[in-house]
Amino acid sequence: MHLRIGGFTIQVASREPGLNLVLNPAAARFAVEPAPPDVRIEVESGDLIDDDASDLIFDSGGPWRMFRHGDGYLFKFSSSSFGPVPYKTARWNADFTKGDVCLNRAHFAPGAPVDPLEYPLDELLMINLLGHGRGLEVHGCGVIDGSDEGYLFVGQSGAGKSTMARLWLGEPGAVILSDDRIVLRSEVDGVWMYGTPWHGDEPLASPRRARLTRLFFLRHDTSNAITASSASRAAARLFAASFPPFHSPSAIDLSLRFIETLVTRVPCVELGFAPTPAVVEFLRRSTSTH
């Protein structure tokens, strides 16, 4: 299988003929024809054990933990339904360009469809891949308006990202990249935003990308209004809504540098909006005059 997410081509291959590898419906939209991969992943099944001898780096407090493993990293995925033994592990090299996924054969029926990159592994891969100076993932709703304008609406849960996405649905020429997670990458001709499979309240996930022309920090209001934001405030708000690998000081530093570049290259403003279709025309008018 080949996927392309955030500008990265990811190849997933089985080491066992009997493994029935599939993609979930959202990720399937990102499937592409075979191409030279940026990330190579091999999948196998095995008899996993509960071994915490590795150096623990991060405990999510949920289904996964991250460990140091030689020169690279190891993720262990557990569930209360299966007990303390991991149902899946993922071992990575230092820059997350090569990985090995092992499925605990005690929990996967032979021949049954299995998604080896099942969430949260797919997003963890992206976050750590970007953390090597390749970009940033943010809490945001990305919209392409026609062929030219790429709008990013940033906010924490409840700020109005899914509401904004619904207001753009059905607009001629508009494409919603995601209503919750957007990948940002800096290129010679600007900052580009990419859709991801990790959507929010609405099942909106597009493999397309667009050059980012304006960034809006969202808040619900009774009317539509745009106010200026200083570069320092914009940088702080963007970092608070981002997903850098918090276990890595170097990744945090690279993420902050990326944000500094973004706020100097892309206009960043505050948007208070009323949840009515009128905000779409309001935004179109405001961007055409700036």
Protein backbone atom coordinates (compact mmCIF):
# COMPACT_ATOMS: atom_id res chain seq x y z
CA MET A 1 0.00 0.00 0.00
CA HIS A 2 1.13 3.56 -0.72
CA LEU A 3 -0.28 6.70 0.92
CA ARG A 4 0.60 10.35 0.51
CA ILE A 5 -0.08 12.51 3.58
CA GLY A 6 1.40 15.93 4.25
CA GLY A 7 3.59 15.68 1.17
CA PHE A 8 5.18 12.41 2.31
CA THR A 9 4.79 9.14 0.41
CA ILE A 10 4.43 6.25 2.86
CA GLN A 11 4.89 2.65 1.73
CA VAL A 12 3.37 -0.14 3.84
CA ALA A 13 4.35 -3.72 2.99
CA SER A 14 3.70 -7.07 4.63
CA ARG A 15 6.41 -9.56 5.50
CA GLU A 16 3.77 -12.29 5.59
CA PRO A 17 1.58 -13.31 2.63
CA GLY A 18 -1.33 -14.10 4.97
CA LEU A 19 -1.64 -10.59 6.43
CA ASN A 20 -4.70 -8.81 5.04
CA LEU A 21 -3.65 -5.17 5.27
CA VAL A 22 -6.31 -2.49 4.73
CA LEU A 23 -6.80 1.24 5.25
CA ASN A 24 -9.63 2.88 7.16
CA PRO A 25 -12.07 4.88 4.97
CA ALA A 26 -10.51 8.28 5.71
CA ALA A 27 -6.94 7.08 5.09
CA ALA A 28 -8.04 5.29 1.91
CA ARG A 29 -8.66 8.72 0.35
CA PHE A 30 -4.90 9.29 0.62
CA ALA A 31 -3.92 6.08 -1.21
CA VAL A 32 -1.73 6.68 -4.26
CA GLU A 33 -0.10 4.65 -7.00
CA PRO A 34 3.31 3.14 -6.10
CA ALA A 35 6.02 5.79 -5.98
CA PRO A 36 9.46 6.18 -4.39
CA PRO A 37 8.62 6.39 -0.66
CA ASP A 38 9.80 8.87 1.93
CA VAL A 39 8.82 6.40 4.66
CA ARG A 40 9.05 2.60 4.45
CA ILE A 41 7.06 0.41 6.86
CA GLU A 42 7.09 -3.38 7.05
CA VAL A 43 4.38 -5.30 8.92
CA GLU A 44 4.46 -8.73 10.53
CA SER A 45 2.76 -10.67 13.31
CA GLY A 46 4.45 -12.11 16.38
CA ASP A 47 4.18 -13.17 20.00
CA LEU A 48 4.59 -9.96 21.98
CA ILE A 49 5.41 -9.86 25.68
CA ASP A 50 5.04 -7.27 28.43
CA ASP A 51 8.65 -6.07 28.56
CA ASP A 52 9.37 -2.55 29.86
CA ALA A 53 13.13 -2.94 29.89
CA SER A 54 13.52 -0.16 27.32
CA ASP A 55 14.03 3.47 28.31
CA LEU A 56 10.58 5.08 28.65
CA ILE A 57 10.44 8.52 26.98
CA PHE A 58 6.75 9.38 27.08
CA ASP A 59 3.58 7.85 28.54
CA SER A 60 0.40 9.14 26.90
CA GLY A 61 -1.71 8.01 29.84
CA GLY A 62 -3.82 6.25 27.23
CA PRO A 63 -3.19 3.51 24.70
CA TRP A 64 0.47 4.17 23.83
CA ARG A 65 3.88 4.66 25.34
CA MET A 66 7.14 5.68 23.65
CA PHE A 67 10.54 4.18 24.43
CA ARG A 68 14.13 4.70 23.38
CA HIS A 69 15.21 1.70 21.29
CA GLY A 70 18.87 1.64 20.25
CA ASP A 71 19.40 4.62 17.97
CA GLY A 72 15.66 4.90 17.32
CA TYR A 73 12.30 4.62 19.03
CA LEU A 74 9.64 2.08 19.96
CA PHE A 75 5.89 2.62 20.43
CA LYS A 76 3.87 0.11 22.43
CA PHE A 77 0.08 0.05 22.10
CA SER A 78 -2.03 -1.53 24.85
CA SER A 79 -5.70 -1.85 25.71
CA SER A 80 -7.49 -2.73 28.93
CA SER A 81 -9.46 -5.26 26.88
CA PHE A 82 -6.27 -7.21 26.16
CA GLY A 83 -4.41 -6.79 29.45
CA PRO A 84 -0.86 -5.43 29.91
CA VAL A 85 0.69 -7.16 26.89
CA PRO A 86 0.87 -4.82 23.86
CA TYR A 87 -1.47 -5.63 20.99
CA LYS A 88 0.90 -3.84 18.60
CA THR A 89 4.39 -2.34 18.55
CA ALA A 90 6.08 0.00 16.09
CA ARG A 91 9.87 0.36 15.93
CA TRP A 92 11.40 3.36 14.11
CA ASN A 93 14.79 4.59 13.04
CA ALA A 94 16.04 7.94 14.33
CA ASP A 95 14.32 10.15 11.74
CA PHE A 96 11.13 8.09 11.33
CA THR A 97 11.77 7.21 7.70
CA LYS A 98 11.82 3.44 8.32
CA GLY A 99 9.60 1.42 10.65
CA ASP A 100 8.59 -2.09 11.60
CA VAL A 101 5.08 -2.79 12.90
CA CYS A 102 4.44 -6.03 14.80
CA LEU A 103 0.88 -7.22 15.45
CA ASN A 104 0.32 -9.47 18.45
CA ARG A 105 -1.03 -12.61 16.78
CA ALA A 106 -2.97 -13.42 19.96
CA HIS A 107 -5.32 -10.51 19.18
CA PHE A 108 -5.56 -10.61 15.37
CA ALA A 109 -7.43 -13.45 13.70
CA PRO A 110 -5.58 -15.02 10.74
CA GLY A 111 -6.76 -13.51 7.47
CA ALA A 112 -8.92 -10.85 9.11
CA PRO A 113 -8.59 -7.31 7.71
CA VAL A 114 -6.20 -5.24 9.79
CA ASP A 115 -5.16 -1.60 9.54
CA PRO A 116 -1.48 -1.58 10.61
CA LEU A 117 -1.43 2.22 10.91
CA GLU A 118 -4.66 2.39 12.90
CA TYR A 119 -5.01 5.66 14.83
CA PRO A 120 -3.07 6.90 16.74
CA LEU A 121 -0.03 5.28 15.08
CA ASP A 122 -0.56 7.09 11.77
CA GLU A 123 -0.71 10.49 13.45
CA LEU A 124 2.22 9.73 15.76
CA LEU A 125 4.28 8.90 12.71
CA MET A 126 3.37 12.21 11.07
CA ILE A 127 4.04 14.30 14.19
CA ASN A 128 7.49 12.79 14.69
CA LEU A 129 8.32 12.89 10.99
CA LEU A 130 7.51 16.63 10.92
CA GLY A 131 9.45 17.16 14.15
CA HIS A 132 12.75 16.79 12.30
CA GLY A 133 12.42 20.25 10.77
CA ARG A 134 9.95 19.20 8.09
CA GLY A 135 6.89 21.18 9.23
CA LEU A 136 4.14 21.15 11.84
CA GLU A 137 0.71 19.66 12.49
CA VAL A 138 -1.90 22.03 13.94
CA HIS A 139 -5.47 22.04 15.27
CA GLY A 140 -7.14 23.70 12.32
CA CYS A 141 -9.75 23.70 9.60
CA GLY A 142 -8.23 24.16 6.15
CA VAL A 143 -10.29 25.52 3.25
CA ILE A 144 -9.39 26.05 -0.39
CA ASP A 145 -11.59 28.75 -1.87
CA GLY A 146 -11.40 28.31 -5.63
CA SER A 147 -7.89 27.67 -6.93
CA ASP A 148 -6.04 30.55 -5.30
CA GLU A 149 -7.01 31.17 -1.68
CA GLY A 150 -5.94 28.83 1.11
CA TYR A 151 -7.48 29.72 4.48
CA LEU A 152 -6.51 28.12 7.77
CA PHE A 153 -8.84 28.51 10.77
CA VAL A 154 -6.95 27.69 13.95
CA GLY A 155 -8.39 26.97 17.35
CA GLN A 156 -8.61 24.52 20.21
CA SER A 157 -11.60 22.20 20.62
CA GLY A 158 -14.80 24.23 20.72
CA ALA A 159 -13.37 27.27 18.93
CA GLY A 160 -15.54 26.67 15.87
CA LYS A 161 -13.43 24.67 13.40
CA SER A 162 -16.14 22.13 12.52
CA THR A 163 -18.75 24.90 12.48
CA MET A 164 -16.62 26.84 10.00
CA ALA A 165 -16.18 23.72 7.87
CA ARG A 166 -19.94 23.18 7.71
CA LEU A 167 -20.46 26.79 6.62
CA TRP A 168 -18.13 26.26 3.66
CA LEU A 169 -19.77 22.99 2.60
CA GLY A 170 -21.56 23.42 -0.70
CA GLU A 171 -19.80 26.66 -1.60
CA PRO A 172 -18.90 26.56 -5.32
CA GLY A 173 -15.23 25.75 -5.79
CA ALA A 174 -14.54 25.31 -2.06
CA VAL A 175 -12.65 22.25 -0.78
CA ILE A 176 -12.32 21.43 2.92
CA LEU A 177 -8.99 19.77 3.64
CA SER A 178 -9.93 18.83 7.21
CA ASP A 179 -12.02 20.25 10.01
CA ASP A 180 -9.51 19.38 12.74
CA ARG A 181 -5.93 18.52 11.71
CA ILE A 182 -3.79 20.28 9.10
CA VAL A 183 -0.15 19.71 8.17
CA LEU A 184 1.89 22.84 7.40
CA ARG A 185 5.16 22.84 5.46
CA SER A 186 7.40 25.67 4.33
CA GLU A 187 8.57 25.70 0.72
CA VAL A 188 10.40 28.17 -1.52
CA ASP A 189 7.15 29.61 -2.85
CA GLY A 190 5.38 29.94 0.50
CA VAL A 191 3.82 27.96 3.32
CA TRP A 192 1.59 25.11 2.15
CA MET A 193 -1.20 23.38 4.05
CA TYR A 194 -2.19 19.76 3.53
CA GLY A 195 -5.34 17.85 4.36
CA THR A 196 -5.09 14.86 6.71
CA PRO A 197 -7.19 11.76 7.50
CA TRP A 198 -7.68 12.93 11.10
CA HIS A 199 -10.94 14.82 10.94
CA GLY A 200 -13.12 16.16 13.73
CA ASP A 201 -16.91 16.26 14.08
CA GLU A 202 -17.40 16.12 10.32
CA PRO A 203 -15.95 13.28 8.15
CA LEU A 204 -13.98 15.78 6.07
CA ALA A 205 -10.58 14.62 4.86
CA SER A 206 -9.04 15.64 1.53
CA PRO A 207 -5.61 14.66 0.17
CA ARG A 208 -5.28 18.01 -1.58
CA ARG A 209 -3.02 20.89 -0.60
CA ALA A 210 -2.99 24.66 -1.06
CA ARG A 211 -0.68 27.58 -0.52
CA LEU A 212 -1.63 29.25 2.75
CA THR A 213 -2.70 32.84 2.04
CA ARG A 214 -4.22 33.78 5.41
CA LEU A 215 -4.46 32.34 8.90
CA PHE A 216 -7.40 33.09 11.22
CA PHE A 217 -7.50 32.44 14.97
CA LEU A 218 -11.13 31.52 15.65
CA ARG A 219 -13.56 32.53 18.34
CA HIS A 220 -17.35 32.43 18.43
CA ASP A 221 -19.04 35.84 18.48
CA THR A 222 -22.36 37.52 17.72
CA SER A 223 -21.02 39.27 14.60
CA ASN A 224 -18.19 38.92 12.12
CA ALA A 225 -15.06 40.94 12.79
CA ILE A 226 -11.36 40.70 12.01
CA THR A 227 -8.74 42.23 14.30
CA ALA A 228 -4.99 42.42 13.89
CA SER A 229 -2.64 40.12 15.78
CA SER A 230 0.97 40.85 16.62
CA ALA A 231 3.57 38.37 15.39
CA SER A 232 4.44 37.35 18.95
CA ARG A 233 0.80 36.73 19.88
CA ALA A 234 0.21 34.83 16.65
CA ALA A 235 3.27 32.65 17.31
CA ALA A 236 2.14 31.89 20.87
CA ARG A 237 -1.39 30.99 19.78
CA LEU A 238 -0.16 28.82 16.94
CA PHE A 239 2.22 26.93 19.19
CA ALA A 240 -0.59 26.33 21.70
CA ALA A 241 -2.66 24.77 18.90
CA SER A 242 0.17 22.65 17.46
CA PHE A 243 1.34 19.07 17.90
CA PRO A 244 5.13 19.02 18.15
CA PRO A 245 6.88 15.98 19.67
CA PHE A 246 6.98 17.30 23.23
CA HIS A 247 9.46 14.63 24.32
CA SER A 248 12.17 16.13 22.09
CA PRO A 249 13.84 19.50 22.92
CA SER A 250 15.33 19.65 19.41
CA ALA A 251 11.91 19.07 17.83
CA ILE A 252 10.40 21.83 19.98
CA ASP A 253 13.16 24.19 18.87
CA LEU A 254 12.62 23.34 15.19
CA SER A 255 8.85 23.73 15.58
CA LEU A 256 9.28 27.19 17.11
CA ARG A 257 11.57 28.20 14.26
CA PHE A 258 8.98 27.00 11.77
CA ILE A 259 6.28 29.04 13.52
CA GLU A 260 8.53 32.12 13.47
CA THR A 261 8.94 31.69 9.72
CA LEU A 262 5.21 31.19 9.19
CA VAL A 263 4.05 34.30 11.04
CA THR A 264 6.46 36.43 8.99
CA ARG A 265 5.33 34.93 5.65
CA VAL A 266 1.57 34.59 6.19
CA PRO A 267 -0.89 37.25 7.44
CA CYS A 268 -2.30 36.09 10.81
CA VAL A 269 -5.43 37.72 12.26
CA GLU A 270 -8.14 37.14 14.85
CA LEU A 271 -11.59 36.20 13.56
CA GLY A 272 -14.70 36.57 15.68
CA PHE A 273 -17.58 35.06 13.76
CA ALA A 274 -21.29 34.41 13.98
CA PRO A 275 -22.15 30.85 12.88
CA THR A 276 -24.16 31.84 9.79
CA PRO A 277 -23.38 31.52 6.05
CA ALA A 278 -22.77 35.28 5.93
CA VAL A 279 -19.27 34.76 7.30
CA VAL A 280 -18.17 33.16 4.03
CA GLU A 281 -18.94 36.27 2.00
CA PHE A 282 -17.48 38.40 4.80
CA LEU A 283 -14.18 36.51 4.52
CA ARG A 284 -14.13 36.73 0.75
CA ARG A 285 -14.65 40.49 0.88
CA SER A 286 -12.02 40.97 3.59
CA THR A 287 -9.35 38.99 1.76
CA SER A 288 -10.02 40.78 -1.53
CA THR A 289 -9.31 44.16 0.10
CA HIS A 290 -6.06 43.14 1.83
